[in-house]
Amino acid sequence: MAKASISGQQFHAGVEFPRVYTVNAPASDLPLWLSQVREHKQEWLAQLSQHGAILWRGLPLRTDLDFDAFIQAFDLPGFTYAESLSNAVRRNRTPRVFTANEAPPSVAIYLHHEMAQTPVYPSSLFFFCEHAAQSGGATPLCRSDILLQKLEQLLPGFVQDCATKGVRYANTMPAEEDLESGQGRSWRNTLNVSDRAGAEARLQKLGYAWQWLDADSLKATTPVLPAIRQLADGRRVFFNQLIAAFRGWQDQRNDAGKSIRFGDDSPIAADDMRQVIELGDALSFDLQWQTGDVALVDNFLVMHGRRPYAGERRVLASLVA
């Protein structure tokens, strides 16, 4: 295993983003490699908080079960899809491993911190490229601390409102899965309930407001959530789903332009969001997947997304509590 460089790799205050390792190991070396994971995991986890993301290339992983074994070797607490409030449709492969998003290849998933539009979210994410796309399909990664630093210079009033007011998100969930949408998970699966009474009880416990709409769909509005977060080391990050919601929460039930407001119910200016989006895109590193790649992403420090693609693409994910 050797530290490596990759095209487009960024440096912030001399620190690589992401940190990259290359491994030359045949599939038969999987047990040996898993012992290496157990030996180096503390070192890598310390690096994660510094670099924001780590990419391993050339691992002897071929299947979802191999990926599951890799995750288990880190011995970290899991955060299951079933227990999450994620609004993406996914398919479990193992209890800890699931498809990243079942939305069609033409649908872009825009920059976001995983589940930051909910009161409960994972601390980090593992990704595994089981099969790289014929073209496209990169995972953009953006350092939220760097983005916030730039925004404080460009849009100080907007940043101040984010910090003092917080944000609220509104999303309408279908009664049944909508595979054409990046936010197509049904309200039954999202809330892990079987009927309306169960949904209302869960939403009330979480502090949400709600409204039942036509076709048994459910509009849910979050309580006030933070848009800016301070990490344990003092760094401040743009921790939210504002870009993804404003840019991509658009389907037959949802109007992206109406999906976000400040916590005091005042509007978020579209011009401000366009500048946030432009800056986020400029700061993004596109992880161009190769089959067998594994990435570990700090969900508190780094936003991620998905570029449209052609051909079969199988990227699996697992969340860490």
Protein backbone atom coordinates (compact mmCIF):
# COMPACT_ATOMS: atom_id res chain seq x y z
CA MET A 1 0.00 0.00 0.00
CA ALA A 2 1.36 3.41 -0.99
CA LYS A 3 0.18 7.00 -0.76
CA ALA A 4 -0.62 8.28 -4.24
CA SER A 5 -1.79 11.29 -6.24
CA ILE A 6 -4.88 11.46 -8.44
CA SER A 7 -5.97 13.79 -11.21
CA GLY A 8 -7.76 16.85 -9.88
CA GLN A 9 -6.70 16.24 -6.29
CA GLN A 10 -6.92 19.42 -4.20
CA PHE A 11 -4.76 20.88 -1.49
CA HIS A 12 -6.12 23.08 1.29
CA ALA A 13 -3.47 24.58 3.61
CA GLY A 14 -1.14 21.89 2.26
CA VAL A 15 -3.51 19.03 3.10
CA GLU A 16 -4.56 16.68 0.27
CA PHE A 17 -8.22 16.29 -0.55
CA PRO A 18 -8.85 13.44 -0.78
CA ARG A 19 -6.04 11.33 0.72
CA VAL A 20 -5.37 8.50 -1.77
CA TYR A 21 -3.80 5.06 -1.30
CA THR A 22 -3.05 2.51 -4.02
CA VAL A 23 -3.06 -1.17 -3.25
CA ASN A 24 -1.87 -3.98 -5.53
CA ALA A 25 -3.60 -7.02 -4.16
CA PRO A 26 -5.32 -9.95 -5.91
CA ALA A 27 -8.72 -11.11 -4.72
CA SER A 28 -7.14 -14.06 -2.94
CA ASP A 29 -5.41 -11.62 -0.58
CA LEU A 30 -8.67 -10.40 0.96
CA PRO A 31 -8.10 -12.03 4.40
CA LEU A 32 -4.60 -10.53 4.54
CA TRP A 33 -5.91 -7.11 3.53
CA LEU A 34 -8.64 -7.21 6.17
CA SER A 35 -5.96 -7.78 8.80
CA GLN A 36 -4.22 -4.66 7.44
CA VAL A 37 -7.45 -2.72 7.89
CA ARG A 38 -7.67 -3.76 11.52
CA GLU A 39 -4.03 -2.76 12.02
CA HIS A 40 -4.28 0.68 10.39
CA LYS A 41 -7.90 1.69 11.11
CA GLN A 42 -7.09 4.15 13.93
CA GLU A 43 -4.48 5.86 11.77
CA TRP A 44 -6.92 6.15 8.86
CA LEU A 45 -9.75 7.45 11.02
CA ALA A 46 -7.44 10.15 12.37
CA GLN A 47 -6.53 11.06 8.78
CA LEU A 48 -10.22 11.23 7.83
CA SER A 49 -10.91 14.15 10.15
CA GLN A 50 -7.94 16.00 8.64
CA HIS A 51 -8.40 15.23 4.94
CA GLY A 52 -12.19 14.82 4.80
CA ALA A 53 -12.08 11.77 2.49
CA ILE A 54 -9.85 8.75 1.87
CA LEU A 55 -9.78 6.74 -1.36
CA TRP A 56 -8.34 3.24 -1.60
CA ARG A 57 -7.68 2.06 -5.15
CA GLY A 58 -6.71 -1.49 -6.16
CA LEU A 59 -8.30 -3.29 -3.22
CA PRO A 60 -9.09 -7.02 -3.51
CA LEU A 61 -12.83 -6.35 -3.17
CA ARG A 62 -15.22 -7.67 -5.81
CA THR A 63 -18.64 -8.12 -4.22
CA ASP A 64 -21.02 -6.57 -1.73
CA LEU A 65 -19.97 -9.26 0.77
CA ASP A 66 -16.31 -8.26 0.34
CA PHE A 67 -17.30 -4.66 0.97
CA ASP A 68 -19.28 -5.68 4.05
CA ALA A 69 -16.22 -7.51 5.40
CA PHE A 70 -14.08 -4.40 4.77
CA ILE A 71 -16.54 -2.26 6.76
CA GLN A 72 -16.77 -4.77 9.59
CA ALA A 73 -12.98 -4.71 9.95
CA PHE A 74 -13.20 -1.06 11.05
CA ASP A 75 -15.51 -2.10 13.91
CA LEU A 76 -17.57 1.09 13.76
CA PRO A 77 -21.24 1.46 14.81
CA GLY A 78 -23.62 1.12 11.89
CA PHE A 79 -26.43 3.45 10.79
CA THR A 80 -28.95 1.41 8.83
CA TYR A 81 -31.00 2.60 5.86
CA ALA A 82 -34.22 1.24 7.41
CA GLU A 83 -33.74 3.36 10.54
CA SER A 84 -32.83 6.50 8.59
CA LEU A 85 -35.08 9.32 7.38
CA SER A 86 -33.38 9.35 3.97
CA ASN A 87 -35.78 10.26 1.16
CA ALA A 88 -33.78 8.34 -1.48
CA VAL A 89 -34.87 4.92 -2.76
CA ARG A 90 -32.15 2.33 -2.04
CA ARG A 91 -31.88 -1.46 -1.98
CA ASN A 92 -30.21 -3.36 0.83
CA ARG A 93 -27.60 -5.93 -0.19
CA THR A 94 -26.65 -6.82 3.40
CA PRO A 95 -27.90 -5.31 6.66
CA ARG A 96 -25.14 -2.66 6.44
CA VAL A 97 -24.66 -2.33 2.67
CA PHE A 98 -27.14 -0.80 0.21
CA THR A 99 -27.27 0.82 -3.21
CA ALA A 100 -26.39 4.51 -3.11
CA ASN A 101 -29.50 5.78 -4.97
CA GLU A 102 -31.95 4.08 -7.33
CA ALA A 103 -32.76 7.27 -9.26
CA PRO A 104 -32.37 6.97 -13.08
CA PRO A 105 -28.90 7.57 -14.60
CA SER A 106 -30.02 10.90 -16.07
CA VAL A 107 -30.85 12.33 -12.63
CA ALA A 108 -28.11 14.36 -10.94
CA ILE A 109 -27.81 14.18 -7.16
CA TYR A 110 -26.52 17.56 -6.01
CA LEU A 111 -24.11 18.42 -3.21
CA HIS A 112 -25.35 17.62 0.29
CA HIS A 113 -24.36 16.31 3.68
CA GLU A 114 -26.03 12.94 4.10
CA MET A 115 -29.40 13.33 5.86
CA ALA A 116 -28.63 16.88 7.05
CA GLN A 117 -32.26 17.67 6.16
CA THR A 118 -33.28 15.49 9.14
CA PRO A 119 -32.59 15.57 12.89
CA VAL A 120 -30.56 12.33 12.67
CA TYR A 121 -27.57 11.78 10.37
CA PRO A 122 -24.47 9.59 10.06
CA SER A 123 -20.96 10.73 10.96
CA SER A 124 -19.32 9.21 7.89
CA LEU A 125 -20.02 7.16 4.77
CA PHE A 126 -18.30 4.29 3.01
CA PHE A 127 -18.71 3.99 -0.78
CA PHE A 128 -17.70 0.98 -2.91
CA CYS A 129 -17.61 0.93 -6.71
CA GLU A 130 -18.82 -2.54 -7.60
CA HIS A 131 -19.03 -1.59 -11.29
CA ALA A 132 -17.90 1.70 -12.83
CA ALA A 133 -20.15 3.46 -15.34
CA GLN A 134 -19.32 3.46 -19.05
CA SER A 135 -19.13 7.26 -18.83
CA GLY A 136 -19.98 9.87 -16.22
CA GLY A 137 -21.17 8.88 -12.77
CA ALA A 138 -18.49 10.68 -10.78
CA THR A 139 -19.14 11.51 -7.14
CA PRO A 140 -18.42 15.21 -6.56
CA LEU A 141 -16.90 15.96 -3.16
CA CYS A 142 -16.75 19.43 -1.62
CA ARG A 143 -15.04 20.53 1.60
CA SER A 144 -17.75 22.38 3.52
CA ASP A 145 -15.30 24.24 5.74
CA ILE A 146 -13.60 25.75 2.69
CA LEU A 147 -16.98 26.54 1.11
CA LEU A 148 -18.09 28.36 4.27
CA GLN A 149 -14.88 30.40 4.39
CA LYS A 150 -15.53 31.58 0.83
CA LEU A 151 -19.19 32.29 1.54
CA GLU A 152 -18.31 34.43 4.55
CA GLN A 153 -16.39 36.68 2.16
CA LEU A 154 -18.94 36.58 -0.67
CA LEU A 155 -22.29 36.49 1.18
CA PRO A 156 -21.74 37.54 4.83
CA GLY A 157 -25.41 38.41 5.36
CA PHE A 158 -26.58 35.03 4.06
CA VAL A 159 -24.08 33.21 6.29
CA GLN A 160 -25.23 35.22 9.30
CA ASP A 161 -28.86 34.30 8.59
CA CYS A 162 -27.92 30.63 8.24
CA ALA A 163 -26.09 30.73 11.57
CA THR A 164 -28.75 32.61 13.55
CA LYS A 165 -32.00 31.45 11.95
CA GLY A 166 -31.29 27.87 10.89
CA VAL A 167 -33.33 26.30 8.08
CA ARG A 168 -36.47 24.24 7.46
CA TYR A 169 -37.06 21.78 4.64
CA ALA A 170 -40.37 20.74 3.05
CA ASN A 171 -40.68 17.51 1.07
CA THR A 172 -43.72 15.64 -0.22
CA MET A 173 -43.35 11.87 -0.01
CA PRO A 174 -45.34 9.47 -2.20
CA ALA A 175 -47.52 6.65 -0.93
CA GLU A 176 -45.49 4.18 -3.02
CA GLU A 177 -41.88 4.32 -4.20
CA ASP A 178 -41.20 6.65 -7.12
CA LEU A 179 -38.12 5.29 -8.90
CA GLU A 180 -38.04 8.25 -11.29
CA SER A 181 -37.17 10.66 -8.49
CA GLY A 182 -34.04 11.11 -6.42
CA GLN A 183 -36.42 11.72 -3.49
CA GLY A 184 -38.86 8.92 -4.26
CA ARG A 185 -38.90 6.92 -1.05
CA SER A 186 -42.43 6.37 0.22
CA TRP A 187 -43.57 7.88 3.51
CA ARG A 188 -44.18 4.39 4.91
CA ASN A 189 -40.56 3.38 4.29
CA THR A 190 -39.10 6.77 5.21
CA LEU A 191 -40.87 6.83 8.57
CA ASN A 192 -40.76 3.04 9.02
CA VAL A 193 -44.52 2.85 9.65
CA SER A 194 -47.48 0.99 8.15
CA ASP A 195 -50.29 3.55 8.28
CA ARG A 196 -51.22 7.23 8.66
CA ALA A 197 -51.57 7.05 12.41
CA GLY A 198 -48.07 5.66 12.74
CA ALA A 199 -46.72 8.33 10.40
CA GLU A 200 -48.33 11.13 12.40
CA ALA A 201 -47.03 9.75 15.68
CA ARG A 202 -43.49 9.51 14.30
CA LEU A 203 -43.60 13.02 12.81
CA GLN A 204 -44.96 14.49 16.03
CA LYS A 205 -42.14 12.87 18.02
CA LEU A 206 -39.58 14.32 15.59
CA GLY A 207 -41.09 17.80 15.76
CA TYR A 208 -42.26 17.93 12.12
CA ALA A 209 -45.35 19.62 10.71
CA TRP A 210 -47.32 17.64 8.12
CA GLN A 211 -50.19 17.72 5.65
CA TRP A 212 -51.90 14.87 3.81
CA LEU A 213 -52.33 15.55 0.09
CA ASP A 214 -53.91 13.89 -2.94
CA ALA A 215 -52.93 10.32 -3.89
CA ASP A 216 -52.14 9.60 -0.23
CA SER A 217 -48.94 11.63 -0.44
CA LEU A 218 -47.54 13.30 2.67
CA LYS A 219 -45.96 16.75 2.88
CA ALA A 220 -43.58 16.97 5.84
CA THR A 221 -41.83 20.12 7.06
CA THR A 222 -38.91 19.77 9.41
CA PRO A 223 -38.37 21.58 12.68
CA VAL A 224 -35.67 24.27 12.58
CA LEU A 225 -32.36 22.58 11.77
CA PRO A 226 -28.82 23.98 11.77
CA ALA A 227 -27.35 25.22 8.50
CA ILE A 228 -23.90 25.76 9.98
CA ARG A 229 -22.15 23.39 12.35
CA GLN A 230 -19.06 23.78 14.51
CA LEU A 231 -16.84 20.71 14.67
CA ALA A 232 -15.01 19.49 17.77
CA ASP A 233 -11.74 21.06 16.55
CA GLY A 234 -13.40 24.48 16.16
CA ARG A 235 -13.84 24.45 12.38
CA ARG A 236 -17.19 25.73 11.11
CA VAL A 237 -18.86 23.95 8.16
CA PHE A 238 -21.78 24.61 5.81
CA PHE A 239 -23.67 21.58 7.13
CA ASN A 240 -27.04 21.31 5.39
CA GLN A 241 -28.91 20.14 2.28
CA LEU A 242 -29.66 23.59 0.87
CA ILE A 243 -27.89 23.05 -2.46
CA ALA A 244 -29.45 19.63 -3.06
CA ALA A 245 -32.94 20.76 -2.08
CA PHE A 246 -32.94 24.06 -3.98
CA ARG A 247 -31.37 22.52 -7.06
CA GLY A 248 -32.76 19.03 -7.19
CA TRP A 249 -35.88 18.39 -5.11
CA GLN A 250 -38.03 18.60 -8.22
CA ASP A 251 -40.53 15.94 -9.26
CA GLN A 252 -44.27 15.52 -9.80
CA ARG A 253 -44.92 16.28 -6.10
CA ASN A 254 -42.18 18.77 -5.22
CA ASP A 255 -41.19 22.25 -6.35
CA ALA A 256 -37.48 22.72 -5.59
CA GLY A 257 -37.91 26.48 -5.26
CA LYS A 258 -40.31 25.98 -2.36
CA SER A 259 -38.37 23.28 -0.53
CA ILE A 260 -36.26 25.50 1.76
CA ARG A 261 -36.80 28.50 4.06
CA PHE A 262 -34.97 30.00 6.99
CA GLY A 263 -36.01 28.80 10.42
CA ASP A 264 -38.10 31.92 11.04
CA ASP A 265 -40.05 31.08 7.84
CA SER A 266 -38.46 33.95 5.89
CA PRO A 267 -37.47 33.14 2.28
CA ILE A 268 -33.96 32.26 1.17
CA ALA A 269 -33.04 34.46 -1.77
CA ALA A 270 -32.69 32.57 -5.05
CA ASP A 271 -29.78 34.84 -6.06
CA ASP A 272 -27.90 33.87 -2.90
CA MET A 273 -28.51 30.18 -3.56
CA ARG A 274 -27.26 30.52 -7.14
CA GLN A 275 -24.00 31.98 -5.85
CA VAL A 276 -23.72 29.19 -3.25
CA ILE A 277 -24.23 26.60 -6.01
CA GLU A 278 -21.68 28.22 -8.31
CA LEU A 279 -19.07 28.32 -5.56
CA GLY A 280 -19.80 24.75 -4.46
CA ASP A 281 -19.35 23.52 -8.03
CA ALA A 282 -16.06 25.43 -8.37
CA LEU A 283 -14.71 23.86 -5.16
CA SER A 284 -15.78 20.30 -5.97
CA PHE A 285 -13.43 17.41 -6.68
CA ASP A 286 -14.95 14.79 -8.99
CA LEU A 287 -14.15 11.26 -7.83
CA GLN A 288 -14.00 9.31 -11.09
CA TRP A 289 -14.74 5.77 -9.97
CA GLN A 290 -12.79 2.70 -10.97
CA THR A 291 -14.23 -0.75 -10.26
CA GLY A 292 -13.02 -1.90 -6.83
CA ASP A 293 -12.53 1.59 -5.38
CA VAL A 294 -13.54 2.28 -1.78
CA ALA A 295 -13.92 5.78 -0.35
CA LEU A 296 -14.56 6.86 3.22
CA VAL A 297 -16.09 10.34 3.56
CA ASP A 298 -16.43 12.45 6.72
CA ASN A 299 -20.09 13.48 6.57
CA PHE A 300 -19.55 16.45 8.92
CA LEU A 301 -16.76 17.94 6.79
CA VAL A 302 -17.52 16.95 3.17
CA MET A 303 -20.58 17.19 0.93
CA HIS A 304 -21.09 14.68 -1.87
CA GLY A 305 -23.38 14.08 -4.86
CA ARG A 306 -23.69 12.08 -8.09
CA ARG A 307 -23.13 13.08 -11.70
CA PRO A 308 -25.43 11.64 -14.42
CA TYR A 309 -23.98 8.65 -16.25
CA ALA A 310 -24.31 6.18 -19.11
CA GLY A 311 -24.07 2.41 -18.88
CA GLU A 312 -24.40 0.29 -15.77
CA ARG A 313 -23.11 1.89 -12.57
CA ARG A 314 -23.17 0.09 -9.23
CA VAL A 315 -21.91 2.14 -6.32
CA LEU A 316 -22.79 0.77 -2.91
CA ALA A 317 -22.84 2.62 0.40
CA SER A 318 -22.75 2.04 4.12
CA LEU A 319 -23.26 4.57 6.91
CA VAL A 320 -21.48 5.00 10.22
CA ALA A 321 -23.42 6.29 13.22
